[in-house]
Amino acid sequence: MSGAGRSGRWPWRLLPGPRATPFTFWYALLLVGTSLFAAYADPVRVAELLRGSSTDAAHLAATPLRVLVASALWIDGGLLSGFAFAFVVVLATLERRVGAVRTVAVFLGGHVLATLATELPVGAAVATGALPPGAAHRLDYGISYGVMTCAGALAGLLPGRLRWPLLGGAACYAAADLLTFADPLSSCGHLLSLALGAAAWPLLRRGRSGPRPVRLHGDLGHPALRRAAGRAVPGCAVPVAGVRRR
């Protein structure tokens, strides 16, 4: 394909699709639904659902699994949030490189670990009297920890000219929020999430290089001829007629 053809098509590869990036695509549709509900449903009902989905210290102590799942069904700020755009681009790009299973593992791992790391100390501080009881009911929900973890993980799979701007931009965003002291707990969680994603680089890079599988077709589809081709060309390092490298 010509360079013009590739350049005309590449922006669309940033968007998820049901076949190429099923996790990102269907999850994005779910988030669109919950965001529209939050925008247009009865505000009292929405507030109740968001409170019930909060991963604050009190809810984590009572129903940890339920709130860890429910909190990831909402976008803080709705569809106009920067994290909504980042979710689509970052997760779709990561899923194209490492597949759906590992993308799910990175996203959920960052969401769960960063949530526990930021909220469990709050619960301990409330229990010891270092923080008032109200701190255990801090409203906390959204996909931002998972998105930041995926951004950190994706950076390790990109060339240097893209890796460091992505890491630097994400870190500056979290640090700027931390300096304004608007929500220091979430800001610390964002920095931790980014670090968790970077820590996953060795695992995500493993298995991404090396020889591709060889498919035999035509007359060499017969098992005996397949074995003969393998003996004649150990490891299929040298191309032979009827052997196609994929």
Protein backbone atom coordinates (compact mmCIF):
# COMPACT_ATOMS: atom_id res chain seq x y z
CA MET A 1 0.00 0.00 0.00
CA SER A 2 1.26 3.46 -0.82
CA GLY A 3 2.31 5.92 1.85
CA ALA A 4 -0.64 8.13 0.93
CA GLY A 5 -3.03 5.24 1.46
CA ARG A 6 -1.58 4.45 4.87
CA SER A 7 -1.59 8.09 5.98
CA GLY A 8 -5.20 8.45 4.89
CA ARG A 9 -6.27 5.44 6.92
CA TRP A 10 -4.14 5.56 10.06
CA PRO A 11 -6.30 7.99 12.14
CA TRP A 12 -9.15 5.48 12.01
CA ARG A 13 -6.88 2.84 13.53
CA LEU A 14 -6.94 4.87 16.73
CA LEU A 15 -10.63 4.05 17.12
CA PRO A 16 -11.87 0.73 18.50
CA GLY A 17 -13.75 -1.83 16.43
CA PRO A 18 -15.79 -4.89 17.40
CA ARG A 19 -13.37 -7.31 15.72
CA ALA A 20 -9.94 -5.72 16.09
CA THR A 21 -10.43 -4.38 19.64
CA PRO A 22 -13.51 -6.06 21.14
CA PHE A 23 -12.78 -5.20 24.77
CA THR A 24 -12.33 -1.49 24.11
CA PHE A 25 -15.26 -1.32 21.69
CA TRP A 26 -17.90 -2.97 23.88
CA TYR A 27 -16.63 -1.35 27.06
CA ALA A 28 -16.78 2.06 25.36
CA LEU A 29 -20.41 1.43 24.35
CA LEU A 30 -21.21 0.53 27.97
CA LEU A 31 -19.59 3.75 29.18
CA VAL A 32 -21.54 5.77 26.62
CA GLY A 33 -24.74 4.27 28.01
CA THR A 34 -23.91 5.00 31.65
CA SER A 35 -22.72 8.51 30.79
CA LEU A 36 -25.95 9.33 28.95
CA PHE A 37 -27.91 7.93 31.88
CA ALA A 38 -25.93 10.11 34.30
CA ALA A 39 -26.56 13.17 32.12
CA TYR A 40 -30.29 12.78 31.53
CA ALA A 41 -31.76 10.55 34.24
CA ASP A 42 -33.29 11.72 37.50
CA PRO A 43 -30.46 13.48 39.40
CA VAL A 44 -31.51 11.93 42.70
CA ARG A 45 -31.40 8.43 41.22
CA VAL A 46 -28.04 9.14 39.57
CA ALA A 47 -26.59 10.42 42.85
CA GLU A 48 -27.76 7.25 44.62
CA LEU A 49 -26.14 5.01 42.00
CA LEU A 50 -22.87 6.93 42.07
CA ARG A 51 -22.79 6.80 45.86
CA GLY A 52 -23.47 3.06 45.75
CA SER A 53 -20.64 2.62 43.20
CA SER A 54 -18.08 4.58 45.21
CA THR A 55 -14.87 2.79 46.18
CA ASP A 56 -14.50 4.76 49.39
CA ALA A 57 -13.01 3.11 52.46
CA ALA A 58 -16.41 2.31 53.96
CA HIS A 59 -17.70 0.54 50.85
CA LEU A 60 -14.43 -1.33 50.33
CA ALA A 61 -14.73 -2.69 53.85
CA ALA A 62 -18.36 -3.78 53.33
CA THR A 63 -18.73 -4.82 49.66
CA PRO A 64 -15.30 -4.62 48.00
CA LEU A 65 -15.98 -6.70 44.89
CA ARG A 66 -19.25 -4.98 44.05
CA VAL A 67 -17.94 -1.44 44.26
CA LEU A 68 -14.67 -2.24 42.47
CA VAL A 69 -16.72 -3.43 39.50
CA ALA A 70 -19.45 -0.78 39.73
CA SER A 71 -17.02 2.13 40.02
CA ALA A 72 -15.50 1.21 36.65
CA LEU A 73 -18.87 1.65 34.91
CA TRP A 74 -18.79 5.45 35.12
CA ILE A 75 -16.70 8.28 33.69
CA ASP A 76 -16.10 11.10 36.12
CA GLY A 77 -17.08 14.13 34.05
CA GLY A 78 -19.07 12.17 31.49
CA LEU A 79 -18.40 11.93 27.78
CA LEU A 80 -16.79 15.38 27.70
CA SER A 81 -14.07 14.31 30.12
CA GLY A 82 -10.53 14.01 28.83
CA PHE A 83 -10.46 10.50 30.22
CA ALA A 84 -13.28 9.51 27.85
CA PHE A 85 -11.12 10.44 24.86
CA ALA A 86 -8.02 8.88 26.42
CA PHE A 87 -9.92 5.66 27.11
CA VAL A 88 -10.81 5.19 23.45
CA VAL A 89 -7.41 6.06 21.99
CA VAL A 90 -5.13 4.52 24.61
CA LEU A 91 -7.00 1.26 25.17
CA ALA A 92 -7.67 0.68 21.47
CA THR A 93 -4.00 1.22 20.64
CA LEU A 94 -2.86 -1.03 23.48
CA GLU A 95 -5.32 -3.76 22.56
CA ARG A 96 -4.14 -3.79 18.95
CA ARG A 97 -0.62 -4.50 20.20
CA VAL A 98 -1.10 -6.97 23.05
CA GLY A 99 -4.61 -8.35 22.57
CA ALA A 100 -7.82 -8.18 24.58
CA VAL A 101 -6.83 -10.47 27.46
CA ARG A 102 -3.70 -8.58 28.44
CA THR A 103 -5.44 -5.23 27.96
CA VAL A 104 -8.16 -6.33 30.39
CA ALA A 105 -5.48 -7.47 32.86
CA VAL A 106 -3.63 -4.14 32.67
CA PHE A 107 -6.77 -2.03 33.00
CA LEU A 108 -8.34 -3.99 35.85
CA GLY A 109 -5.01 -4.45 37.61
CA GLY A 110 -4.39 -0.71 37.65
CA HIS A 111 -7.96 0.10 38.62
CA VAL A 112 -7.98 -2.32 41.56
CA LEU A 113 -4.42 -1.84 42.86
CA ALA A 114 -4.45 1.97 42.69
CA THR A 115 -7.86 2.09 44.36
CA LEU A 116 -6.78 -0.16 47.22
CA ALA A 117 -3.46 1.66 47.62
CA THR A 118 -5.17 5.04 48.01
CA GLU A 119 -8.28 4.10 49.99
CA LEU A 120 -7.02 1.47 52.44
CA PRO A 121 -4.70 3.97 54.18
CA VAL A 122 -7.68 6.29 54.54
CA GLY A 123 -9.64 3.51 56.22
CA ALA A 124 -6.76 2.81 58.56
CA ALA A 125 -6.41 6.51 59.41
CA VAL A 126 -10.12 6.76 60.18
CA ALA A 127 -9.95 3.65 62.37
CA THR A 128 -7.08 5.10 64.39
CA GLY A 129 -8.68 8.53 64.70
CA ALA A 130 -6.13 10.32 62.51
CA LEU A 131 -8.91 11.29 60.06
CA PRO A 132 -12.56 12.15 60.78
CA PRO A 133 -15.20 9.48 60.06
CA GLY A 134 -16.45 11.39 57.04
CA ALA A 135 -13.21 10.65 55.19
CA ALA A 136 -14.29 6.99 54.91
CA HIS A 137 -17.24 8.06 52.73
CA ARG A 138 -15.34 10.07 50.14
CA LEU A 139 -17.02 9.77 46.73
CA ASP A 140 -14.64 7.84 44.48
CA TYR A 141 -15.56 6.29 41.13
CA GLY A 142 -14.47 6.28 37.50
CA ILE A 143 -12.09 4.75 34.97
CA SER A 144 -9.16 7.13 35.39
CA TYR A 145 -6.86 4.73 37.26
CA GLY A 146 -7.32 2.03 34.64
CA VAL A 147 -6.76 4.49 31.79
CA MET A 148 -3.57 5.87 33.36
CA THR A 149 -2.26 2.33 33.87
CA CYS A 150 -2.93 1.49 30.23
CA ALA A 151 -1.20 4.72 29.16
CA GLY A 152 1.87 3.76 31.17
CA ALA A 153 1.83 0.26 29.70
CA LEU A 154 1.34 1.51 26.13
CA ALA A 155 4.31 3.87 26.41
CA GLY A 156 6.64 0.89 26.74
CA LEU A 157 5.45 -0.51 23.41
CA LEU A 158 5.94 2.70 21.44
CA PRO A 159 9.11 4.10 19.88
CA GLY A 160 11.03 6.65 21.92
CA ARG A 161 9.71 9.67 20.03
CA LEU A 162 6.19 8.74 21.18
CA ARG A 163 6.97 6.98 24.47
CA TRP A 164 8.42 9.87 26.41
CA PRO A 165 5.84 12.49 25.34
CA LEU A 166 3.07 10.10 26.40
CA LEU A 167 4.66 9.35 29.76
CA GLY A 168 5.63 12.98 30.34
CA GLY A 169 2.20 14.30 29.44
CA ALA A 170 0.40 11.83 31.70
CA ALA A 171 2.81 12.51 34.58
CA CYS A 172 2.46 16.29 34.17
CA TYR A 173 -1.33 15.97 34.27
CA ALA A 174 -1.23 14.03 37.54
CA ALA A 175 1.44 16.28 39.04
CA ALA A 176 -0.46 19.45 38.12
CA ASP A 177 -3.54 18.17 39.92
CA LEU A 178 -1.37 17.28 42.90
CA LEU A 179 0.14 20.77 43.05
CA THR A 180 -3.28 22.43 43.01
CA PHE A 181 -4.29 20.18 45.92
CA ALA A 182 -7.80 19.90 44.46
CA ASP A 183 -7.94 16.13 44.96
CA PRO A 184 -4.54 14.94 46.20
CA LEU A 185 -5.69 11.37 46.82
CA SER A 186 -6.81 10.88 43.21
CA SER A 187 -3.66 12.63 41.95
CA CYS A 188 -1.47 10.21 43.90
CA GLY A 189 -3.57 7.37 42.51
CA HIS A 190 -2.97 8.61 38.96
CA LEU A 191 0.79 8.73 39.45
CA LEU A 192 0.73 5.26 41.00
CA SER A 193 -1.37 3.95 38.12
CA LEU A 194 1.10 5.32 35.59
CA ALA A 195 3.96 3.63 37.45
CA LEU A 196 2.05 0.34 37.53
CA GLY A 197 1.66 0.50 33.77
CA ALA A 198 5.38 1.15 33.29
CA ALA A 199 6.15 -1.79 35.59
CA ALA A 200 4.24 -4.04 33.20
CA TRP A 201 6.58 -3.35 30.27
CA PRO A 202 8.65 -6.56 30.61
CA LEU A 203 5.51 -8.71 30.75
CA LEU A 204 3.86 -7.04 27.78
CA ARG A 205 7.00 -7.08 25.64
CA ARG A 206 7.52 -10.79 26.31
CA GLY A 207 6.39 -12.94 23.42
CA ARG A 208 5.89 -10.03 21.01
CA SER A 209 9.00 -10.86 18.95
CA GLY A 210 10.43 -13.99 17.42
CA PRO A 211 9.60 -16.22 14.46
CA ARG A 212 6.05 -16.31 13.30
CA PRO A 213 4.19 -19.60 12.88
CA VAL A 214 4.44 -21.35 9.52
CA ARG A 215 1.34 -22.50 7.70
CA LEU A 216 1.60 -25.39 5.26
CA HIS A 217 -0.86 -25.51 2.41
CA GLY A 218 -1.43 -27.14 -0.91
CA ASP A 219 0.23 -30.53 -1.35
CA LEU A 220 2.29 -30.09 1.83
CA GLY A 221 -0.88 -30.25 3.93
CA HIS A 222 -0.45 -34.00 4.16
CA PRO A 223 1.15 -35.00 7.51
CA ALA A 224 3.91 -37.07 5.87
CA LEU A 225 4.93 -34.23 3.55
CA ARG A 226 4.78 -31.82 6.47
CA ARG A 227 7.26 -33.95 8.41
CA ALA A 228 9.50 -34.24 5.36
CA ALA A 229 9.55 -30.46 4.91
CA GLY A 230 10.46 -30.06 8.57
CA ARG A 231 13.43 -32.43 8.23
CA ALA A 232 14.61 -30.80 5.03
CA VAL A 233 14.34 -27.30 6.46
CA PRO A 234 14.84 -27.43 10.25
CA GLY A 235 12.77 -24.79 11.94
CA CYS A 236 11.59 -23.66 8.48
CA ALA A 237 14.43 -21.11 8.50
CA VAL A 238 14.80 -21.39 4.69
CA PRO A 239 11.72 -20.89 2.47
CA VAL A 240 10.62 -23.89 0.42
CA ALA A 241 7.94 -24.28 -2.19
CA GLY A 242 4.54 -24.67 -0.64
CA VAL A 243 5.58 -23.09 2.70
CA ARG A 244 4.21 -19.64 3.37
CA ARG A 245 5.48 -17.39 6.16
CA ARG A 246 2.75 -15.38 7.85
